[in-house]
Amino acid sequence: MKIDEELQKLIPPLAEDELKQLESNLKNEGWRSNERIITWNDIIVDGHNRYSICKKYKITFKTQEKKFKDKNEVILWMIDNQLGRRNLPDYARGELNWKKLEILRLKAEENMKLGVTLVSNDTKVDMKNVVAKASNIGDVTASRIKFIRDNADEGTKIKLRSGNRELSINKVYTDLKKKKQREDVIQEFKEAPKLEKTKRKYSIIYADPPWKYFAGGNKNQSIYYKGMEIEEIKNLPINSLANDNCILFLWVTFPILKEAFEVIESWGFDYSTCGFNWVKKNKSGEGWFFGLGNWTRSNSELCLIATKGKPIRQSASVSQIIDTPREEHSKKPDIVRDKIVELVGDLPRIELFARSKTKGWDTWGNEVK
């Protein structure tokens, strides 16, 4: 008799007390006359736990061979069998219903090719809604279960299937989503065509990250970029772009100064000073702009300087204060690039999270035009 790992994974594990009770019953009472381990082509499709316990304690058991058209038919039978269990955790129930629906949709597509319609093949069916109703859960939960199933490690999924109280669908989903976003950003950065082609090292790095800086991430500094969590920004491979002697110019707002210092350190730089303080005028150029602010009304923004190695200052006449009108949302003054070159020279340089290409600068960003 054989065990198919794919089929075995379909069976949500018993709770610890349920497994102990089953083991106790088999040890004390033996195999009941009406019980059977169900097999298909000598592969166990029902009774995995009983089989393991009987093998462990050398208890004699009985089997029953069942006929199925193919493996998908076996899976559908097993899913329906498991869905009949009491106290099945929401994750396990949702995961099983997702698998069932996907197989039924596949069979529907095959039937369409044969000109036969046995189940609905409407491509407009909201699959998460179907799963939600079948599992007695909300649409959002159904969607999150699928995301977890497709992205979580097997150990995490086993815990969720068993109803482990230390984990919840929402917590696992949130953690996975953050991890995936971080990986996607890192991968996107690594695959940026300019970097892939040149593999250059830079002496100047100029960055304006799309910080999420209000609780819950509701306020995003950039409408051009999806807001990034601090950990996502910290994990960008910026250090690999830097020459041994390199200077970083990093735009930051006052509420996230502490986090900005963490980013600087993670990127392999040492904080030096404030390079520029942009005191904003109204778009008309008349009068000072006043933002909201947490305490006082804010109207300035900082561009910090951090260094790696010993970059050299070329000019001692570059002013820290910039007083220019605001333009479109979160766009920084173009003059800053000129001041950077004046300050440290015409060195290899790159602008990260750029909106447009600028002569003399390499750029990286998903909104570069």
Protein backbone atom coordinates (compact mmCIF):
# COMPACT_ATOMS: atom_id res chain seq x y z
CA MET A 1 0.00 0.00 0.00
CA LYS A 2 1.33 3.42 -1.00
CA ILE A 3 0.99 7.02 0.19
CA ASP A 4 0.75 9.82 -2.37
CA GLU A 5 2.11 13.04 -0.83
CA GLU A 6 -0.12 15.28 -2.96
CA LEU A 7 -3.21 13.41 -1.82
CA GLN A 8 -2.07 13.24 1.78
CA LYS A 9 -1.64 17.04 1.88
CA LEU A 10 -5.33 17.40 1.03
CA ILE A 11 -6.23 16.04 4.45
CA PRO A 12 -6.23 18.71 7.17
CA PRO A 13 -4.42 17.31 10.23
CA LEU A 14 -6.45 16.28 13.24
CA ALA A 15 -6.29 18.44 16.32
CA GLU A 16 -3.85 17.08 18.89
CA ASP A 17 -6.61 15.86 21.21
CA GLU A 18 -8.47 14.22 18.30
CA LEU A 19 -5.35 12.35 17.22
CA LYS A 20 -4.67 11.18 20.78
CA GLN A 21 -8.26 9.96 21.09
CA LEU A 22 -8.03 8.04 17.81
CA GLU A 23 -4.75 6.45 18.89
CA SER A 24 -6.23 5.48 22.26
CA ASN A 25 -9.31 3.92 20.64
CA LEU A 26 -7.27 1.83 18.23
CA LYS A 27 -4.87 0.65 20.94
CA ASN A 28 -7.61 -0.26 23.41
CA GLU A 29 -10.39 -1.45 21.13
CA GLY A 30 -8.53 -2.62 18.05
CA TRP A 31 -9.83 -2.33 14.50
CA ARG A 32 -13.61 -2.10 14.26
CA SER A 33 -15.30 -4.51 11.89
CA ASN A 34 -17.04 -1.78 9.86
CA GLU A 35 -13.93 0.41 9.40
CA ARG A 36 -11.92 0.44 6.18
CA ILE A 37 -8.89 2.22 4.81
CA ILE A 38 -9.99 3.34 1.34
CA THR A 39 -7.51 2.88 -1.51
CA TRP A 40 -7.31 3.65 -5.22
CA ASN A 41 -4.79 1.66 -7.24
CA ASP A 42 -3.33 0.62 -3.88
CA ILE A 43 -2.87 4.30 -2.88
CA ILE A 44 -4.48 5.44 0.36
CA VAL A 45 -7.21 8.03 -0.23
CA ASP A 46 -8.89 7.88 3.19
CA GLY A 47 -7.60 6.64 6.53
CA HIS A 48 -4.05 8.01 6.59
CA ASN A 49 -4.08 8.60 10.35
CA ARG A 50 -5.50 5.16 11.09
CA TYR A 51 -2.93 3.58 8.80
CA SER A 52 -0.02 5.33 10.56
CA ILE A 53 -1.25 4.33 14.02
CA CYS A 54 -1.85 0.72 12.97
CA LYS A 55 1.63 0.47 11.47
CA LYS A 56 3.13 1.96 14.63
CA TYR A 57 1.41 -0.51 16.99
CA LYS A 58 1.18 -3.44 14.53
CA ILE A 59 -2.63 -3.43 14.59
CA THR A 60 -4.36 -5.46 11.88
CA PHE A 61 -6.59 -3.36 9.62
CA LYS A 62 -8.85 -3.81 6.59
CA THR A 63 -8.91 -1.98 3.27
CA GLN A 64 -11.41 -1.31 0.52
CA GLU A 65 -10.39 -0.55 -3.06
CA LYS A 66 -12.44 2.19 -4.72
CA LYS A 67 -12.56 2.92 -8.45
CA PHE A 68 -12.12 6.41 -9.88
CA LYS A 69 -11.80 7.71 -13.43
CA ASP A 70 -8.60 9.66 -12.75
CA LYS A 71 -6.64 11.44 -10.04
CA ASN A 72 -8.77 14.58 -10.24
CA GLU A 73 -11.83 12.49 -9.49
CA VAL A 74 -9.98 11.05 -6.51
CA ILE A 75 -9.15 14.55 -5.28
CA LEU A 76 -12.77 15.73 -5.61
CA TRP A 77 -13.97 12.69 -3.64
CA MET A 78 -11.36 13.28 -0.93
CA ILE A 79 -12.24 16.97 -0.70
CA ASP A 80 -15.95 16.26 -0.27
CA ASN A 81 -15.08 13.63 2.31
CA GLN A 82 -12.94 16.09 4.30
CA LEU A 83 -15.49 18.91 4.04
CA GLY A 84 -17.88 16.66 5.92
CA ARG A 85 -15.68 16.80 9.02
CA ARG A 86 -16.88 18.73 12.03
CA ASN A 87 -14.90 21.67 13.42
CA LEU A 88 -12.79 22.06 10.29
CA PRO A 89 -10.76 25.32 10.59
CA ASP A 90 -11.69 28.13 8.20
CA TYR A 91 -8.34 27.95 6.45
CA ALA A 92 -8.63 24.22 5.80
CA ARG A 93 -12.21 24.53 4.57
CA GLY A 94 -11.36 27.45 2.28
CA GLU A 95 -8.24 25.77 0.91
CA LEU A 96 -10.19 22.61 0.07
CA ASN A 97 -12.95 24.56 -1.65
CA TRP A 98 -10.40 26.50 -3.72
CA LYS A 99 -8.89 23.22 -4.90
CA LYS A 100 -12.32 21.78 -5.66
CA LEU A 101 -13.43 24.81 -7.67
CA GLU A 102 -10.20 24.90 -9.67
CA ILE A 103 -10.58 21.25 -10.66
CA LEU A 104 -14.22 21.77 -11.61
CA ARG A 105 -13.26 24.76 -13.75
CA LEU A 106 -10.56 22.69 -15.45
CA LYS A 107 -13.07 19.93 -16.16
CA ALA A 108 -15.49 22.55 -17.51
CA GLU A 109 -12.84 23.80 -19.94
CA GLU A 110 -12.21 20.24 -21.12
CA ASN A 111 -15.94 19.72 -21.59
CA MET A 112 -16.15 22.91 -23.67
CA LYS A 113 -13.55 21.50 -26.06
CA LEU A 114 -15.71 18.38 -26.41
CA GLY A 115 -18.88 20.40 -26.83
CA VAL A 116 -20.25 19.16 -23.53
CA THR A 117 -21.39 21.33 -20.62
CA LEU A 118 -21.65 19.52 -17.31
CA VAL A 119 -20.84 22.42 -14.96
CA SER A 120 -20.91 26.19 -15.35
CA ASN A 121 -18.02 27.45 -17.45
CA ASP A 122 -18.94 31.12 -17.14
CA THR A 123 -15.61 32.94 -17.09
CA LYS A 124 -17.25 35.83 -15.24
CA VAL A 125 -17.91 33.74 -12.14
CA ASP A 126 -16.37 35.37 -9.06
CA MET A 127 -14.38 32.41 -7.78
CA LYS A 128 -13.58 33.93 -4.40
CA ASN A 129 -17.30 34.52 -3.84
CA VAL A 130 -18.09 30.90 -4.70
CA VAL A 131 -15.41 29.69 -2.30
CA ALA A 132 -16.58 32.10 0.40
CA LYS A 133 -20.17 30.87 0.24
CA ALA A 134 -19.14 27.21 0.18
CA SER A 135 -16.82 27.74 3.15
CA ASN A 136 -19.14 30.04 5.12
CA ILE A 137 -16.51 32.79 5.22
CA GLY A 138 -16.21 36.31 3.79
CA ASP A 139 -14.91 37.12 0.31
CA VAL A 140 -11.83 38.84 1.75
CA THR A 141 -10.97 35.80 3.86
CA ALA A 142 -11.42 33.52 0.86
CA SER A 143 -9.07 35.68 -1.19
CA ARG A 144 -6.48 35.71 1.60
CA ILE A 145 -6.63 31.93 1.96
CA LYS A 146 -5.75 31.56 -1.72
CA PHE A 147 -2.85 34.00 -1.36
CA ILE A 148 -1.53 32.05 1.64
CA ARG A 149 -1.95 28.73 -0.15
CA ASP A 150 0.05 30.02 -3.13
CA ASN A 151 2.81 31.77 -1.17
CA ALA A 152 3.27 30.34 2.34
CA ASP A 153 5.68 27.58 3.30
CA GLU A 154 4.22 24.15 3.97
CA GLY A 155 4.89 24.34 7.71
CA THR A 156 2.76 27.47 8.06
CA LYS A 157 -0.06 25.93 6.02
CA ILE A 158 -0.03 22.78 8.15
CA LYS A 159 -0.44 24.90 11.29
CA LEU A 160 -3.35 26.80 9.76
CA ARG A 161 -5.02 23.58 8.60
CA SER A 162 -4.86 22.23 12.14
CA GLY A 163 -6.32 25.41 13.65
CA ASN A 164 -3.15 26.42 15.48
CA ARG A 165 -4.16 29.23 17.82
CA GLU A 166 -0.82 31.01 17.52
CA LEU A 167 -1.54 31.82 13.88
CA SER A 168 -4.45 33.51 12.17
CA ILE A 169 -5.32 33.90 8.50
CA ASN A 170 -5.04 37.68 8.79
CA LYS A 171 -1.65 37.65 10.51
CA VAL A 172 -0.12 35.17 8.08
CA TYR A 173 -1.56 37.07 5.12
CA THR A 174 -0.24 40.42 6.36
CA ASP A 175 3.25 39.03 7.01
CA LEU A 176 3.35 37.29 3.63
CA LYS A 177 2.11 40.36 1.79
CA LYS A 178 4.86 42.49 3.30
CA LYS A 179 7.47 39.87 2.47
CA LYS A 180 6.26 39.52 -1.11
CA GLN A 181 6.14 43.28 -1.66
CA ARG A 182 9.69 43.53 -0.35
CA GLU A 183 10.86 40.72 -2.64
CA ASP A 184 9.06 42.23 -5.63
CA VAL A 185 10.65 45.63 -5.02
CA ILE A 186 14.11 44.11 -4.62
CA GLN A 187 13.65 42.00 -7.75
CA GLU A 188 12.35 44.99 -9.72
CA PHE A 189 15.34 47.00 -8.58
CA LYS A 190 17.79 44.26 -9.54
CA GLU A 191 16.15 43.85 -12.94
CA ALA A 192 16.03 47.56 -13.82
CA PRO A 193 17.38 47.63 -17.40
CA LYS A 194 19.87 50.46 -16.79
CA LEU A 195 21.50 48.63 -13.89
CA GLU A 196 21.51 45.27 -15.63
CA LYS A 197 23.22 46.67 -18.72
CA THR A 198 25.88 48.79 -17.10
CA LYS A 199 26.48 47.20 -13.71
CA ARG A 200 28.05 50.56 -12.86
CA LYS A 201 29.19 51.83 -9.51
CA TYR A 202 28.23 55.35 -8.52
CA SER A 203 29.87 58.12 -6.53
CA ILE A 204 26.58 60.01 -6.12
CA ILE A 205 23.26 58.41 -5.20
CA TYR A 206 20.20 60.66 -5.09
CA ALA A 207 17.01 59.12 -3.67
CA ASP A 208 13.45 60.21 -2.93
CA PRO A 209 11.73 57.06 -1.62
CA PRO A 210 7.90 56.80 -1.46
CA TRP A 211 7.80 56.68 2.33
CA LYS A 212 4.75 55.49 4.21
CA TYR A 213 4.97 57.68 7.26
CA PHE A 214 1.59 57.86 8.96
CA ALA A 215 0.26 55.10 11.22
CA GLY A 216 -1.25 52.41 9.06
CA GLY A 217 0.50 53.71 5.96
CA ASN A 218 -2.46 55.87 4.95
CA LYS A 219 -0.32 58.82 3.90
CA ASN A 220 2.02 58.24 0.98
CA GLN A 221 4.50 60.89 -0.11
CA SER A 222 4.45 59.83 -3.73
CA ILE A 223 1.58 59.40 -6.15
CA TYR A 224 4.02 57.99 -8.68
CA TYR A 225 5.10 55.04 -6.57
CA LYS A 226 3.28 52.57 -4.37
CA GLY A 227 4.12 53.49 -0.79
CA MET A 228 6.87 51.34 0.67
CA GLU A 229 7.24 50.13 4.23
CA ILE A 230 10.44 51.14 5.99
CA GLU A 231 11.70 47.54 5.91
CA GLU A 232 11.16 47.39 2.14
CA ILE A 233 13.23 50.53 1.65
CA LYS A 234 15.95 49.28 4.01
CA ASN A 235 16.23 46.03 2.08
CA LEU A 236 16.92 47.65 -1.28
CA PRO A 237 20.43 46.63 -2.48
CA ILE A 238 21.73 50.21 -2.61
CA ASN A 239 25.12 49.37 -1.13
CA SER A 240 25.92 47.31 -4.23
CA LEU A 241 25.61 50.48 -6.35
CA ALA A 242 28.01 52.57 -4.31
CA ASN A 243 31.67 53.20 -5.07
CA ASP A 244 34.13 52.93 -2.21
CA ASN A 245 33.84 56.71 -1.89
CA CYS A 246 30.22 57.67 -2.34
CA ILE A 247 27.78 60.35 -1.16
CA LEU A 248 24.06 59.77 -0.65
CA PHE A 249 21.41 62.51 -0.85
CA LEU A 250 18.18 61.27 0.74
CA TRP A 251 14.90 63.18 0.82
CA VAL A 252 12.97 62.74 4.03
CA THR A 253 10.14 64.39 5.93
CA PHE A 254 10.36 65.29 9.60
CA PRO A 255 7.95 62.61 10.96
CA ILE A 256 10.25 59.82 9.74
CA LEU A 257 13.70 61.16 10.59
CA LYS A 258 14.38 58.24 12.93
CA GLU A 259 13.47 55.72 10.22
CA ALA A 260 15.57 57.60 7.67
CA PHE A 261 18.66 57.09 9.83
CA GLU A 262 17.88 53.35 9.90
CA VAL A 263 17.65 53.33 6.10
CA ILE A 264 20.97 55.15 5.79
CA GLU A 265 22.67 52.56 7.99
CA SER A 266 21.03 49.64 6.16
CA TRP A 267 22.29 50.98 2.84
CA GLY A 268 25.86 51.03 4.16
CA PHE A 269 26.28 54.78 4.71
CA ASP A 270 27.06 57.03 7.68
CA TYR A 271 24.88 60.04 8.37
CA SER A 272 26.73 63.34 7.91
CA THR A 273 24.42 66.37 7.88
CA CYS A 274 21.43 68.04 6.28
CA GLY A 275 22.43 68.80 2.71
CA PHE A 276 19.42 70.86 1.71
CA ASN A 277 16.43 72.36 3.46
CA TRP A 278 13.73 73.10 0.92
CA VAL A 279 11.60 75.96 2.26
CA LYS A 280 8.57 75.85 0.00
CA LYS A 281 6.84 78.77 -1.63
CA ASN A 282 3.31 78.64 -3.02
CA LYS A 283 2.97 77.46 -6.62
CA SER A 284 2.41 81.06 -7.67
CA GLY A 285 5.81 81.96 -6.28
CA GLU A 286 4.19 84.46 -3.93
CA GLY A 287 4.33 83.81 -0.19
CA TRP A 288 5.29 80.75 1.81
CA PHE A 289 3.46 77.47 1.49
CA PHE A 290 1.95 76.11 4.72
CA GLY A 291 1.19 72.42 5.04
CA LEU A 292 -0.68 70.72 7.86
CA GLY A 293 1.96 69.28 10.18
CA ASN A 294 1.46 67.31 13.38
CA TRP A 295 2.23 70.28 15.65
CA THR A 296 3.47 73.36 13.85
CA ARG A 297 2.46 74.09 10.25
CA SER A 298 5.10 72.47 8.06
CA ASN A 299 6.52 74.08 4.96
CA SER A 300 10.01 72.63 4.59
CA GLU A 301 11.54 69.31 3.65
CA LEU A 302 15.01 67.90 4.22
CA CYS A 303 17.55 66.24 1.95
CA LEU A 304 20.06 64.46 4.18
CA ILE A 305 23.66 63.74 3.31
CA ALA A 306 25.29 60.43 4.20
CA THR A 307 28.66 59.12 3.11
CA LYS A 308 30.56 55.94 2.42
CA GLY A 309 34.34 56.17 2.44
CA LYS A 310 35.71 59.70 1.92
CA PRO A 311 33.96 61.62 -0.85
CA ILE A 312 35.47 65.07 -1.45
CA ARG A 313 33.63 68.41 -1.43
CA GLN A 314 34.43 70.43 -4.56
CA SER A 315 32.67 73.69 -3.66
CA ALA A 316 32.26 75.55 -0.38
CA SER A 317 29.66 77.98 -1.72
CA VAL A 318 26.61 75.72 -2.07
CA SER A 319 23.81 76.93 0.22
CA GLN A 320 21.75 74.58 2.34
CA ILE A 321 18.56 76.63 1.89
CA ILE A 322 16.44 76.24 -1.24
CA ASP A 323 13.40 78.50 -1.53
CA THR A 324 11.47 77.63 -4.67
CA PRO A 325 7.75 77.19 -5.44
CA ARG A 326 6.03 73.84 -5.03
CA GLU A 327 5.23 72.01 -8.25
CA GLU A 328 3.27 68.78 -8.64
CA HIS A 329 2.74 66.51 -5.64
CA SER A 330 6.02 65.45 -3.95
CA LYS A 331 8.18 66.60 -6.88
CA LYS A 332 11.50 68.01 -5.70
CA PRO A 333 13.18 71.10 -7.21
CA ASP A 334 15.21 70.33 -10.33
CA ILE A 335 17.87 72.75 -9.12
CA VAL A 336 18.91 70.24 -6.44
CA ARG A 337 20.61 68.05 -9.04
CA ASP A 338 22.68 71.00 -10.22
CA LYS A 339 23.63 71.89 -6.66
CA ILE A 340 24.71 68.29 -6.00
CA VAL A 341 27.04 68.32 -9.02
CA GLU A 342 28.39 71.73 -7.97
CA LEU A 343 29.00 70.43 -4.46
CA VAL A 344 30.83 67.17 -5.23
CA GLY A 345 31.67 67.30 -8.93
CA ASP A 346 30.70 65.70 -12.23
CA LEU A 347 30.93 62.12 -10.95
CA PRO A 348 29.09 58.90 -11.93
CA ARG A 349 25.63 59.39 -10.46
CA ILE A 350 22.20 57.80 -10.29
CA GLU A 351 18.76 59.01 -9.24
CA LEU A 352 16.52 56.43 -7.57
CA PHE A 353 12.70 56.60 -7.80
CA ALA A 354 13.11 59.08 -10.63
CA ARG A 355 10.15 60.48 -12.56
CA SER A 356 12.09 61.51 -15.65
CA LYS A 357 15.46 61.11 -17.28
CA THR A 358 18.01 63.84 -16.69
CA LYS A 359 21.13 64.44 -18.76
CA GLY A 360 24.22 63.20 -16.96
CA TRP A 361 22.25 60.99 -14.57
CA ASP A 362 21.45 57.30 -14.68
CA THR A 363 17.94 56.69 -13.42
CA TRP A 364 15.97 53.91 -11.83
CA GLY A 365 12.24 53.99 -11.28
CA ASN A 366 8.96 52.65 -12.63
CA GLU A 367 7.78 56.12 -13.69
CA VAL A 368 10.85 57.22 -15.63
CA LYS A 369 9.78 58.95 -18.84
